[in-house]
Protein backbone atom coordinates (compact mmCIF):
# COMPACT_ATOMS: atom_id res chain seq x y z
CA MET A 1 167.91 56.24 116.39
CA SER A 2 170.68 53.76 115.83
CA SER A 3 169.10 52.55 112.73
CA SER A 4 165.67 53.77 110.96
CA PRO A 5 163.36 51.35 112.22
CA ALA A 6 160.06 50.53 110.10
CA PRO A 7 157.09 52.49 111.41
CA VAL A 8 154.02 50.52 112.50
CA LEU A 9 151.04 50.75 109.82
CA LEU A 10 147.80 51.76 111.53
CA ASN A 11 144.08 50.49 110.27
CA ASN A 12 143.60 54.16 108.81
CA GLY A 13 146.68 54.15 106.62
CA ALA A 14 148.89 56.42 108.76
CA SER A 15 152.37 55.37 110.19
CA MET A 16 153.45 55.55 113.51
CA PRO A 17 156.89 55.33 114.93
CA ILE A 18 157.47 52.19 116.98
CA VAL A 19 159.29 54.12 119.46
CA GLY A 20 157.80 57.36 120.78
CA PHE A 21 158.76 59.68 123.62
CA GLY A 22 156.78 59.54 126.84
CA THR A 23 155.71 62.78 128.75
CA CYS A 24 153.80 61.63 131.95
CA LYS A 25 154.66 63.50 135.09
CA LEU A 26 156.87 66.34 132.74
CA GLU A 27 155.16 69.65 133.56
CA ASP A 28 157.94 72.35 133.97
CA PRO A 29 158.10 74.37 130.73
CA GLU A 30 162.09 74.00 130.76
CA GLU A 31 162.08 70.63 131.54
CA VAL A 32 159.76 69.75 128.86
CA TYR A 33 161.86 71.91 126.41
CA ARG A 34 165.30 70.11 126.98
CA ALA A 35 163.64 66.80 127.43
CA VAL A 36 161.96 67.37 123.64
CA ASP A 37 165.19 68.88 122.34
CA ALA A 38 167.21 65.86 123.63
CA ALA A 39 164.66 63.29 122.17
CA LEU A 40 164.61 64.87 118.85
CA THR A 41 168.40 65.03 118.74
CA SER A 42 168.39 61.30 119.54
CA GLY A 43 165.94 60.53 116.59
CA TYR A 44 162.47 60.22 118.38
CA ARG A 45 159.82 61.60 115.92
CA ALA A 46 156.67 60.57 118.45
CA PHE A 47 155.46 62.16 121.50
CA ASP A 48 152.80 61.00 123.90
CA SER A 49 150.98 63.32 125.85
CA ALA A 50 147.65 63.56 127.50
CA ASP A 51 145.24 66.11 128.96
CA ALA A 52 145.93 64.70 132.62
CA TYR A 53 149.37 65.36 132.34
CA GLU A 54 148.93 69.16 132.23
CA ASN A 55 151.71 69.53 129.43
CA GLU A 56 150.01 69.92 126.01
CA ALA A 57 150.73 73.43 125.93
CA GLN A 58 154.50 73.12 127.01
CA LEU A 59 154.93 70.24 124.57
CA GLY A 60 153.28 72.19 121.63
CA ARG A 61 155.32 75.47 122.30
CA SER A 62 158.52 73.35 122.52
CA LEU A 63 157.98 71.47 119.24
CA ARG A 64 156.91 74.58 117.33
CA GLU A 65 160.20 76.27 118.36
CA LEU A 66 162.45 73.09 118.19
CA LEU A 67 161.45 71.52 114.81
CA PRO A 68 163.00 74.28 112.62
CA LYS A 69 166.01 74.09 114.79
CA HIS A 70 166.32 70.51 113.99
CA GLY A 71 165.23 70.68 110.23
CA LEU A 72 161.81 69.35 110.56
CA THR A 73 158.48 70.08 109.93
CA ARG A 74 155.00 69.44 111.57
CA GLU A 75 154.44 66.52 109.31
CA ASP A 76 157.62 64.86 110.45
CA VAL A 77 156.30 64.15 113.76
CA PHE A 78 153.57 61.91 115.26
CA ILE A 79 151.85 63.41 118.35
CA THR A 80 149.46 61.56 120.73
CA SER A 81 147.32 62.92 123.17
CA LYS A 82 144.45 61.60 125.42
CA LEU A 83 140.85 62.21 126.86
CA SER A 84 140.83 62.73 130.73
CA PRO A 85 138.48 60.55 132.45
CA LYS A 86 136.81 63.76 134.02
CA ASN A 87 135.73 64.54 130.64
CA GLN A 88 134.37 61.22 129.61
CA GLY A 89 130.82 61.59 127.74
CA GLU A 90 129.13 64.84 127.62
CA GLY A 91 132.29 66.77 128.05
CA ALA A 92 134.35 64.98 125.40
CA MET A 93 133.87 67.40 122.75
CA GLU A 94 135.08 70.71 124.66
CA ALA A 95 138.07 68.64 126.09
CA ALA A 96 139.55 67.23 122.69
CA LEU A 97 138.99 70.84 121.20
CA HIS A 98 141.07 72.11 124.37
CA SER A 99 143.64 69.61 123.58
CA LEU A 100 143.72 70.82 119.99
CA SER A 101 144.18 74.21 121.28
CA GLN A 102 146.85 73.78 123.92
CA LEU A 103 149.13 71.66 121.49
CA ASP A 104 148.44 74.49 118.56
CA LEU A 105 150.07 72.08 116.05
CA GLY A 106 147.15 72.16 113.77
CA TYR A 107 145.85 68.57 114.29
CA ILE A 108 146.31 65.79 116.48
CA ASP A 109 147.93 62.34 115.00
CA LEU A 110 146.58 59.98 117.63
CA TYR A 111 143.93 60.87 120.31
CA LEU A 112 142.83 58.27 122.62
CA ILE A 113 140.30 57.66 125.55
CA HIS A 114 142.52 57.37 128.32
CA TRP A 115 140.36 55.32 130.73
CA PRO A 116 137.44 53.19 130.29
CA GLY A 117 135.49 54.68 133.41
CA THR A 118 134.44 58.13 134.48
CA GLN A 119 136.25 60.22 137.19
CA GLY A 120 133.67 60.50 139.92
CA LEU A 121 131.63 57.41 139.19
CA PRO A 122 132.08 54.04 140.98
CA VAL A 123 133.82 51.34 138.58
CA SER A 124 130.44 49.59 138.66
CA ASP A 125 128.37 52.42 137.67
CA GLN A 126 125.85 51.50 134.57
CA ARG A 127 126.54 55.17 133.40
CA ASN A 128 130.30 54.23 132.35
CA PRO A 129 129.39 52.37 129.27
CA GLY A 130 127.04 55.11 127.99
CA ASN A 131 129.96 57.74 128.55
CA ARG A 132 132.48 55.87 126.72
CA ALA A 133 130.02 55.33 123.55
CA GLN A 134 129.28 59.27 123.68
CA SER A 135 133.08 60.21 123.99
CA TRP A 136 133.84 57.75 121.03
CA ALA A 137 131.16 58.97 118.78
CA THR A 138 132.64 62.52 119.66
CA LEU A 139 136.02 61.22 118.40
CA GLU A 140 134.54 59.84 115.49
CA GLU A 141 133.25 63.19 114.31
CA LEU A 142 136.44 65.26 114.88
CA HIS A 143 138.24 62.43 112.91
CA ALA A 144 135.74 63.07 110.09
CA GLN A 145 136.89 66.75 110.39
CA GLY A 146 140.54 65.93 109.97
CA LYS A 147 141.28 67.31 113.47
CA LEU A 148 141.92 63.91 115.01
CA LYS A 149 143.76 61.86 112.06
CA ALA A 150 143.74 58.59 114.14
CA ILE A 151 141.48 57.72 117.33
CA GLY A 152 141.84 55.04 119.92
CA VAL A 153 141.49 53.79 123.64
CA SER A 154 143.77 53.53 126.24
CA ASN A 155 143.59 50.75 129.60
CA TYR A 156 140.72 48.90 127.68
CA THR A 157 140.15 45.15 128.33
CA GLU A 158 139.18 42.85 126.26
CA ALA A 159 135.29 43.34 127.24
CA HIS A 160 135.59 47.16 126.76
CA LEU A 161 137.28 46.46 123.35
CA ARG A 162 134.72 44.13 122.08
CA GLU A 163 132.09 46.40 123.38
CA LEU A 164 133.37 49.13 121.13
CA MET A 165 133.68 47.06 118.29
CA GLN A 166 129.82 46.46 118.29
CA SER A 167 128.88 50.08 118.23
CA CYS A 168 131.88 52.16 116.51
CA LYS A 169 131.75 53.43 113.14
CA VAL A 170 135.40 53.97 113.13
CA ARG A 171 137.60 51.29 114.40
CA PRO A 172 140.13 52.27 116.90
CA ALA A 173 143.48 52.27 115.51
CA VAL A 174 145.51 51.96 118.68
CA LEU A 175 145.10 50.43 122.20
CA GLN A 176 147.78 51.74 124.88
CA VAL A 177 148.17 49.57 127.79
CA GLU A 178 150.66 48.42 130.36
CA PHE A 179 152.75 45.78 128.92
CA HIS A 180 155.99 44.48 130.08
CA PRO A 181 157.49 40.96 130.93
CA ARG A 182 155.55 40.61 133.87
CA LEU A 183 152.33 41.48 132.34
CA CYS A 184 152.31 40.17 128.99
CA GLN A 185 148.62 40.46 128.11
CA LYS A 186 148.45 37.51 125.71
CA GLU A 187 144.65 37.81 125.65
CA LEU A 188 144.43 41.23 124.73
CA ARG A 189 147.00 41.28 122.44
CA SER A 190 144.92 38.41 120.38
CA VAL A 191 141.78 40.50 120.82
CA CYS A 192 143.78 43.40 119.17
CA GLU A 193 145.07 41.30 116.41
CA GLU A 194 141.48 39.87 115.73
CA TYR A 195 140.28 43.70 115.14
CA GLY A 196 143.39 45.05 113.43
CA VAL A 197 143.99 47.44 116.24
CA CYS A 198 147.72 48.35 117.04
CA PHE A 199 148.83 46.96 120.50
CA GLN A 200 150.79 49.68 122.10
CA ALA A 201 152.89 49.52 125.48
CA TYR A 202 153.25 51.87 128.28
CA ALA A 203 155.18 51.26 131.52
CA SER A 204 157.68 49.14 129.54
CA LEU A 205 160.27 49.06 132.26
CA GLU A 206 157.49 48.47 135.10
CA ARG A 207 158.30 51.83 136.53
CA GLY A 208 162.12 50.52 137.15
CA LYS A 209 161.13 47.41 139.15
CA LEU A 210 162.25 45.06 136.44
CA PHE A 211 165.79 46.60 136.45
CA THR A 212 166.91 44.24 139.20
CA ASP A 213 165.14 41.29 138.05
CA PRO A 214 167.73 38.52 137.76
CA VAL A 215 166.78 37.36 134.36
CA VAL A 216 166.82 40.79 133.08
CA MET A 217 170.17 41.51 134.44
CA GLU A 218 171.59 38.49 133.13
CA VAL A 219 170.05 38.87 129.61
CA ALA A 220 171.64 42.52 129.73
CA LYS A 221 174.92 41.45 130.66
CA LYS A 222 174.89 38.86 128.03
CA TYR A 223 174.19 41.50 125.22
CA ASP A 224 176.34 43.98 126.90
CA ARG A 225 173.28 46.37 127.23
CA THR A 226 171.43 48.22 129.93
CA THR A 227 168.40 46.76 131.25
CA SER A 228 166.09 49.37 129.81
CA GLN A 229 167.26 48.66 126.35
CA VAL A 230 166.89 44.89 126.61
CA LEU A 231 162.90 45.51 128.07
CA LEU A 232 162.22 48.04 125.17
CA ARG A 233 163.75 45.57 122.52
CA TRP A 234 161.85 42.82 124.02
CA ALA A 235 158.65 44.76 123.14
CA VAL A 236 159.66 46.19 119.75
CA GLN A 237 161.06 42.63 118.57
CA GLN A 238 157.46 41.64 118.77
CA GLY A 239 156.04 44.48 116.90
CA VAL A 240 154.85 46.61 120.08
CA PRO A 241 155.41 50.20 119.87
CA VAL A 242 156.78 51.70 123.08
CA ILE A 243 156.92 55.32 124.60
CA PRO A 244 159.68 55.55 127.22
CA LYS A 245 160.14 58.54 128.78
CA SER A 246 163.28 60.29 130.59
CA LEU A 247 164.38 63.79 131.58
CA ASN A 248 168.24 62.63 131.55
CA PRO A 249 169.70 63.10 127.76
CA ASP A 250 171.92 60.38 127.95
CA ARG A 251 168.89 57.90 129.18
CA ILE A 252 166.86 59.29 126.21
CA LYS A 253 169.41 58.58 123.59
CA GLU A 254 170.14 55.37 125.14
CA ASN A 255 166.31 54.17 125.25
CA ALA A 256 166.38 54.96 121.36
CA LYS A 257 169.17 52.87 120.82
CA ILE A 258 167.86 49.33 120.58
CA PHE A 259 167.83 48.38 116.69
CA ASP A 260 171.31 47.51 116.51
CA PHE A 261 171.07 44.18 118.46
CA THR A 262 168.38 41.25 118.49
CA LEU A 263 167.44 39.14 121.50
CA SER A 264 167.60 35.20 120.49
CA ASP A 265 164.31 33.41 120.49
CA SER A 266 165.20 31.39 123.70
CA ASP A 267 166.20 34.98 125.70
CA MET A 268 162.82 36.44 124.41
CA ASP A 269 160.97 33.37 125.88
CA ARG A 270 163.03 33.66 129.05
CA LEU A 271 161.71 37.27 129.59
CA SER A 272 158.25 36.20 128.49
CA ALA A 273 158.31 33.49 131.17
CA LEU A 274 158.40 36.25 133.85
CA ASP A 275 154.67 36.95 133.13
CA ARG A 276 152.56 36.89 136.32
CA GLY A 277 149.83 39.32 135.66
CA GLU A 278 151.63 42.12 137.80
CA ARG A 279 150.61 45.67 137.42
CA CYS A 280 152.58 48.78 138.47
CA CYS A 281 149.73 51.20 137.13
CA TRP A 282 145.84 51.00 137.21
CA ASP A 283 143.67 47.78 136.82
CA PRO A 284 140.79 48.40 134.51
CA SER A 285 139.42 45.11 134.84
CA GLU A 286 136.78 46.02 137.45
CA VAL A 287 135.46 48.95 135.33
CA LEU A 288 131.82 48.05 134.14
């Protein structure tokens, strides 16, 4: 990293790096190894995986081999994984234990319910709330055993989050959702702040769609930065953790170099004004 950014303090007392490395769609073992090596070289200390990404084993193997090379230990990195929608409910325990086994790193720093619905069920199915509750109880159990250091959710709406807060014994530490200037999620961020839940971004670049936005391009030119750097800086300057992904070592390094400049208040506002509720990923709002 271009400097040492302060980590985010989660509500369970754990510290999470504000910039992590995303691994979605990275499956080939050699690609995973090279990407993780480049990420560690560039200063990344957090890695985001999921059962649905089918790369937990590759990520765990790469880290076990590469951490000594970089003079690091298991405790120096923060690993996130997620419960697949196909395992929501009754299958949650077996799936979480499988993730632990696949990663083979002793424990998982943060484990999320990946999606509020259940694979194979209609979004309006009355069983979805019960399956979510059962999954959360499982995560709480594994958290109590120390196998999952922190637990949280992904793609939850305000309604899903409030529902969880009514019944949980352990508050979610993190909510990971799509977040970028065209999807500012103001109401959802407000609910997270109300409950002390860390709001974390994925798809910070809107899958590249924002690269050609005139405002983003103009701000990037003004600061002599890439559009990626400006979009990531816009998020972290608001205290929102990000998890950019890339296979390109130069791009991996570039995405981490966002702490040696600051966007002005007016430029932050210009970027935020692009908000139009536009999603490039899934819309969880219809899930009962």
